[in-house]
Amino acid sequence: MSTVTNLTELWHDSEKDDALLLTAKPTEGSDYARFCNLCDAFAEMPFHPIRRRAEKQLRSLFSCELPPLPENRETIWRLTAERLLLRPLAKEDADAVRADEPSADLPSLPNDRERFSDYPALPETFARTYAEWEKEQAKQFAERPPKQGVLFALASGFHVRKTSRYHADRHLSGEETNSDVWTVQIFRFLAYALQKTDKKILLRTSCDPPEIANLLALIASEVEITPVLWMPERITEAERLIDLCRAYPNPDVSLAVRDGEPIDPCRLAATVPIGRVRVFR
């Protein structure tokens, strides 16, 4: 049983990588940098089982009651390193610790509200070629840039299809219409159009989450995708957020919900970083 010399070596595992992915924090770096990133992530995910387990590991293995948050990271890092020097532990010891039962405290959604009007959809055009369509959209972006981002919708029957300008031309001309091909082409355009801005994509979906993950992975293989606010039609699909985050490198995907939507905050907080949830009205 090999011993370890610092907290990251001791407890870092796939679920802590998930915590970093869910909060758009880097998963690479030095052991200390990853620990600092994890503390930043935990600040956004109170009540989440990954954080609860980390707190249980600190209590069980080090008798440390400090939560792993940014204001405590230097103290925790030093304390655990000293304890490991005096009383060696192995990863198996950390792996054996399970999360505590959920807290009796009730989580709440963030108070800030976003406006749908700040995320307009791309305007309809009568273009018959992709070059014409792209030119018209670029002109709209230049003349009336969106305040916060762009609304993009994926219909219930959407399936990812590889596409190109050739396929887009055939769709627009009516020679070979295919809504899936055209949807992928528009999303690719958005990724390129927004990549050097601070705008986001409000992604409203009715389709199966695996298709969303496939779309993100496909486009991310070509261009870095701007931050995505994912608004699934069914809030119960929020648990699939991690699948979207795992789909491509350096993801920044958070959950968006409608103001007034019936939501169980406890269930939501056990699934996503509730500090990153965006509420729209």
Protein backbone atom coordinates (compact mmCIF):
# COMPACT_ATOMS: atom_id res chain seq x y z
CA MET A 1 0.00 0.00 0.00
CA SER A 2 1.81 3.12 -1.27
CA THR A 3 1.77 6.26 0.85
CA VAL A 4 1.09 9.76 -0.37
CA THR A 5 2.55 13.16 0.53
CA ASN A 6 -0.30 15.62 -0.05
CA LEU A 7 -4.07 15.85 -0.06
CA THR A 8 -4.46 15.79 -3.84
CA GLU A 9 -2.47 12.56 -4.09
CA LEU A 10 -4.63 11.14 -1.33
CA TRP A 11 -8.18 11.96 -2.39
CA HIS A 12 -8.31 13.14 -5.99
CA ASP A 13 -10.48 10.83 -8.08
CA SER A 14 -12.95 10.88 -10.96
CA GLU A 15 -15.75 12.47 -8.94
CA LYS A 16 -13.52 15.39 -7.98
CA ASP A 17 -12.68 15.80 -11.66
CA ASP A 18 -16.46 15.91 -12.20
CA ALA A 19 -16.72 18.74 -9.65
CA LEU A 20 -14.11 20.69 -11.62
CA LEU A 21 -15.87 20.01 -14.93
CA LEU A 22 -19.27 21.02 -13.54
CA THR A 23 -17.88 24.38 -12.44
CA ALA A 24 -15.65 25.04 -15.47
CA LYS A 25 -12.42 24.78 -13.48
CA PRO A 26 -9.18 23.34 -14.93
CA THR A 27 -8.63 19.65 -14.26
CA GLU A 28 -4.89 19.84 -14.95
CA GLY A 29 -2.04 21.52 -13.09
CA SER A 30 0.10 20.97 -10.03
CA ASP A 31 -1.33 19.11 -7.04
CA TYR A 32 -1.76 22.37 -5.15
CA ALA A 33 -3.35 24.13 -8.14
CA ARG A 34 -5.88 21.33 -8.53
CA PHE A 35 -6.69 21.50 -4.82
CA CYS A 36 -7.21 25.27 -5.07
CA ASN A 37 -9.45 24.80 -8.10
CA LEU A 38 -11.42 22.20 -6.19
CA CYS A 39 -11.98 24.59 -3.29
CA ASP A 40 -13.25 27.17 -5.79
CA ALA A 41 -15.57 24.54 -7.25
CA PHE A 42 -16.93 23.51 -3.86
CA ALA A 43 -17.83 27.12 -3.12
CA GLU A 44 -20.36 26.85 -5.97
CA MET A 45 -21.80 23.50 -5.00
CA PRO A 46 -23.09 23.51 -1.42
CA PHE A 47 -25.20 20.45 -0.54
CA HIS A 48 -23.70 18.45 -3.43
CA PRO A 49 -22.68 14.86 -2.52
CA ILE A 50 -19.18 15.31 -3.99
CA ARG A 51 -18.52 18.18 -1.62
CA ARG A 52 -20.19 16.36 1.30
CA ARG A 53 -17.89 13.39 0.77
CA ALA A 54 -14.81 15.64 0.64
CA GLU A 55 -15.83 17.20 3.95
CA LYS A 56 -16.35 13.72 5.42
CA GLN A 57 -12.88 12.69 4.22
CA LEU A 58 -11.32 15.68 5.97
CA ARG A 59 -13.14 14.90 9.20
CA SER A 60 -12.53 11.15 9.14
CA LEU A 61 -8.91 11.15 8.04
CA PHE A 62 -7.61 14.39 9.57
CA SER A 63 -10.15 15.44 12.24
CA CYS A 64 -10.47 18.64 10.21
CA GLU A 65 -13.80 20.45 10.53
CA LEU A 66 -12.91 23.21 8.06
CA PRO A 67 -14.92 22.97 4.83
CA PRO A 68 -12.73 22.86 1.67
CA LEU A 69 -13.43 26.41 0.54
CA PRO A 70 -11.11 29.14 -0.82
CA GLU A 71 -10.72 30.88 2.54
CA ASN A 72 -9.55 27.63 4.17
CA ARG A 73 -7.37 26.13 1.48
CA GLU A 74 -3.96 27.21 2.77
CA THR A 75 -4.76 26.00 6.28
CA ILE A 76 -6.16 22.69 5.05
CA TRP A 77 -3.23 22.09 2.70
CA ARG A 78 -0.68 22.73 5.45
CA LEU A 79 -2.57 20.76 8.12
CA THR A 80 -3.05 17.70 5.92
CA ALA A 81 0.56 17.72 4.72
CA GLU A 82 1.80 17.78 8.32
CA ARG A 83 -0.55 14.97 9.34
CA LEU A 84 0.50 12.83 6.36
CA LEU A 85 4.13 13.27 7.36
CA LEU A 86 3.39 12.08 10.90
CA ARG A 87 0.74 9.47 10.04
CA PRO A 88 0.99 8.14 6.49
CA LEU A 89 -2.22 7.30 4.64
CA ALA A 90 -2.94 5.68 1.28
CA LYS A 91 -5.53 6.35 -1.41
CA GLU A 92 -7.44 3.29 -0.24
CA ASP A 93 -8.10 5.10 3.04
CA ALA A 94 -9.69 8.03 1.23
CA ASP A 95 -11.59 5.77 -1.16
CA ALA A 96 -13.21 3.97 1.77
CA VAL A 97 -14.89 7.15 3.08
CA ARG A 98 -18.48 7.60 1.95
CA ALA A 99 -20.53 10.79 1.89
CA ASP A 100 -22.62 11.89 4.83
CA GLU A 101 -26.39 11.98 4.63
CA PRO A 102 -27.79 15.20 3.13
CA SER A 103 -27.98 18.23 5.38
CA ALA A 104 -31.30 19.25 6.88
CA ASP A 105 -30.67 22.80 5.61
CA LEU A 106 -32.62 23.80 2.54
CA PRO A 107 -30.69 25.11 -0.48
CA SER A 108 -32.07 27.97 -2.52
CA LEU A 109 -31.68 29.15 -6.08
CA PRO A 110 -29.58 32.25 -6.81
CA ASN A 111 -31.49 35.50 -6.42
CA ASP A 112 -30.32 37.07 -9.68
CA ARG A 113 -32.62 36.76 -12.68
CA GLU A 114 -31.67 36.70 -16.35
CA ARG A 115 -33.98 37.96 -19.08
CA PHE A 116 -34.90 35.91 -22.11
CA SER A 117 -34.97 39.16 -24.09
CA ASP A 118 -31.20 39.49 -23.61
CA TYR A 119 -30.73 36.24 -25.56
CA PRO A 120 -32.48 36.71 -28.93
CA ALA A 121 -32.60 33.92 -31.48
CA LEU A 122 -30.94 34.36 -34.85
CA PRO A 123 -33.28 36.19 -37.23
CA GLU A 124 -34.94 34.34 -40.09
CA THR A 125 -33.64 35.12 -43.56
CA PHE A 126 -34.65 34.24 -47.12
CA ALA A 127 -31.13 33.28 -48.16
CA ARG A 128 -30.83 30.52 -50.75
CA THR A 129 -27.13 29.82 -50.23
CA TYR A 130 -25.06 29.42 -47.08
CA ALA A 131 -22.68 32.22 -48.09
CA GLU A 132 -25.63 34.60 -48.37
CA TRP A 133 -27.11 33.40 -45.07
CA GLU A 134 -23.78 33.77 -43.26
CA LYS A 135 -23.27 37.27 -44.65
CA GLU A 136 -26.74 38.36 -43.48
CA GLN A 137 -26.21 36.93 -40.00
CA ALA A 138 -22.78 38.54 -39.67
CA LYS A 139 -24.34 41.87 -40.65
CA GLN A 140 -27.01 41.44 -37.95
CA PHE A 141 -24.34 40.67 -35.34
CA ALA A 142 -22.40 43.79 -36.30
CA GLU A 143 -25.43 46.10 -36.34
CA ARG A 144 -27.39 44.67 -33.40
CA PRO A 145 -25.12 42.58 -31.19
CA PRO A 146 -26.99 40.56 -28.55
CA LYS A 147 -26.73 41.93 -25.02
CA GLN A 148 -25.85 38.68 -23.27
CA GLY A 149 -25.96 35.93 -25.85
CA VAL A 150 -27.99 34.00 -28.38
CA LEU A 151 -30.89 31.61 -27.92
CA PHE A 152 -30.51 28.31 -29.77
CA ALA A 153 -33.06 25.49 -29.69
CA LEU A 154 -32.78 21.76 -30.33
CA ALA A 155 -36.09 20.10 -31.22
CA SER A 156 -37.29 16.83 -29.72
CA GLY A 157 -36.31 14.66 -32.67
CA PHE A 158 -32.88 16.20 -33.24
CA HIS A 159 -30.01 13.88 -34.17
CA VAL A 160 -26.47 15.02 -34.81
CA ARG A 161 -25.37 14.86 -38.44
CA LYS A 162 -22.05 15.82 -39.96
CA THR A 163 -22.50 18.75 -42.27
CA SER A 164 -20.70 21.16 -44.54
CA ARG A 165 -21.35 24.27 -46.58
CA TYR A 166 -22.31 22.00 -49.46
CA HIS A 167 -25.03 20.32 -47.38
CA ALA A 168 -26.14 23.70 -46.05
CA ASP A 169 -26.49 25.01 -49.62
CA ARG A 170 -28.59 22.02 -50.62
CA HIS A 171 -30.83 22.50 -47.59
CA LEU A 172 -31.38 26.22 -48.21
CA SER A 173 -31.99 25.71 -51.91
CA GLY A 174 -34.57 23.04 -51.20
CA GLU A 175 -32.66 20.39 -53.17
CA GLU A 176 -32.09 18.18 -50.11
CA THR A 177 -33.68 19.57 -46.96
CA ASN A 178 -32.52 18.15 -43.66
CA SER A 179 -33.34 20.02 -40.44
CA ASP A 180 -30.70 18.13 -38.43
CA VAL A 181 -27.94 19.00 -40.88
CA TRP A 182 -29.04 22.64 -40.89
CA THR A 183 -29.24 22.77 -37.08
CA VAL A 184 -25.64 21.53 -36.77
CA GLN A 185 -24.49 24.06 -39.37
CA ILE A 186 -26.14 26.95 -37.51
CA PHE A 187 -24.59 25.85 -34.21
CA ARG A 188 -21.18 25.71 -35.90
CA PHE A 189 -21.71 29.26 -37.16
CA LEU A 190 -22.62 30.41 -33.65
CA ALA A 191 -19.52 28.81 -32.17
CA TYR A 192 -17.30 30.68 -34.62
CA ALA A 193 -19.25 33.94 -34.37
CA LEU A 194 -19.12 34.05 -30.56
CA GLN A 195 -15.71 32.53 -29.87
CA LYS A 196 -13.93 35.88 -29.35
CA THR A 197 -16.76 37.55 -27.45
CA ASP A 198 -18.14 37.36 -23.92
CA LYS A 199 -21.54 36.20 -25.19
CA LYS A 200 -23.12 32.90 -24.23
CA ILE A 201 -25.41 30.39 -25.91
CA LEU A 202 -28.74 29.78 -24.18
CA LEU A 203 -29.38 26.23 -25.32
CA ARG A 204 -33.04 25.22 -24.95
CA THR A 205 -33.50 21.54 -25.70
CA SER A 206 -36.25 18.98 -26.06
CA CYS A 207 -34.06 16.24 -27.51
CA ASP A 208 -32.22 13.42 -25.77
CA PRO A 209 -29.16 14.60 -23.78
CA PRO A 210 -26.76 12.23 -25.61
CA GLU A 211 -27.50 14.11 -28.84
CA ILE A 212 -26.59 17.38 -27.11
CA ALA A 213 -23.33 15.88 -25.88
CA ASN A 214 -22.57 14.61 -29.39
CA LEU A 215 -23.23 18.07 -30.86
CA LEU A 216 -20.94 19.77 -28.36
CA ALA A 217 -18.19 17.22 -28.96
CA LEU A 218 -18.46 17.54 -32.74
CA ILE A 219 -18.26 21.32 -32.82
CA ALA A 220 -15.62 21.49 -30.08
CA SER A 221 -13.35 19.38 -32.30
CA GLU A 222 -13.31 22.36 -34.70
CA VAL A 223 -13.61 25.48 -32.55
CA GLU A 224 -13.66 26.44 -28.88
CA ILE A 225 -17.27 26.72 -27.73
CA THR A 226 -18.39 29.79 -25.82
CA PRO A 227 -20.07 29.19 -22.40
CA VAL A 228 -23.38 27.35 -22.71
CA LEU A 229 -26.45 27.81 -20.50
CA TRP A 230 -28.38 24.57 -20.86
CA MET A 231 -32.15 24.75 -20.38
CA PRO A 232 -33.65 21.27 -20.77
CA GLU A 233 -37.36 20.95 -21.37
CA ARG A 234 -37.60 18.57 -18.39
CA ILE A 235 -35.84 19.70 -15.22
CA THR A 236 -35.38 16.04 -14.26
CA GLU A 237 -32.73 15.88 -16.99
CA ALA A 238 -30.49 18.20 -14.96
CA GLU A 239 -28.66 15.12 -13.69
CA ARG A 240 -27.29 14.69 -17.24
CA LEU A 241 -25.39 17.98 -17.02
CA ILE A 242 -22.20 16.11 -16.19
CA ASP A 243 -22.52 14.16 -19.47
CA LEU A 244 -22.44 17.43 -21.40
CA CYS A 245 -19.42 18.62 -19.40
CA ARG A 246 -17.55 15.39 -20.09
CA ALA A 247 -18.23 15.58 -23.82
CA TYR A 248 -15.40 17.91 -24.80
CA PRO A 249 -12.25 19.61 -23.46
CA ASN A 250 -12.52 22.74 -21.29
CA PRO A 251 -16.31 22.79 -21.05
CA ASP A 252 -18.27 25.66 -19.54
CA VAL A 253 -21.84 24.39 -19.32
CA SER A 254 -24.22 25.43 -16.57
CA LEU A 255 -27.90 24.83 -15.94
CA ALA A 256 -30.59 27.38 -16.75
CA VAL A 257 -34.13 27.17 -15.35
CA ARG A 258 -37.32 29.18 -15.79
CA ASP A 259 -38.47 31.44 -12.98
CA GLY A 260 -41.53 29.89 -11.38
CA GLU A 261 -40.78 26.41 -12.67
CA PRO A 262 -41.63 23.76 -10.04
CA ILE A 263 -38.20 22.75 -8.75
CA ASP A 264 -37.12 20.70 -5.76
CA PRO A 265 -34.01 22.65 -4.63
CA CYS A 266 -32.71 19.72 -2.58
CA ARG A 267 -32.83 17.37 -5.54
CA LEU A 268 -31.30 19.99 -7.83
CA ALA A 269 -28.46 20.79 -5.41
CA ALA A 270 -27.64 17.08 -5.20
CA THR A 271 -27.11 17.02 -8.96
CA VAL A 272 -25.62 20.31 -10.16
CA PRO A 273 -23.59 23.19 -8.67
CA ILE A 274 -26.52 25.22 -7.45
CA GLY A 275 -24.33 28.31 -7.23
CA ARG A 276 -23.99 28.22 -11.03
CA VAL A 277 -27.68 27.79 -11.82
CA ARG A 278 -29.08 30.67 -13.91
CA VAL A 279 -32.73 31.63 -13.46
CA PHE A 280 -34.57 33.18 -16.43
CA ARG A 281 -37.73 35.25 -16.54
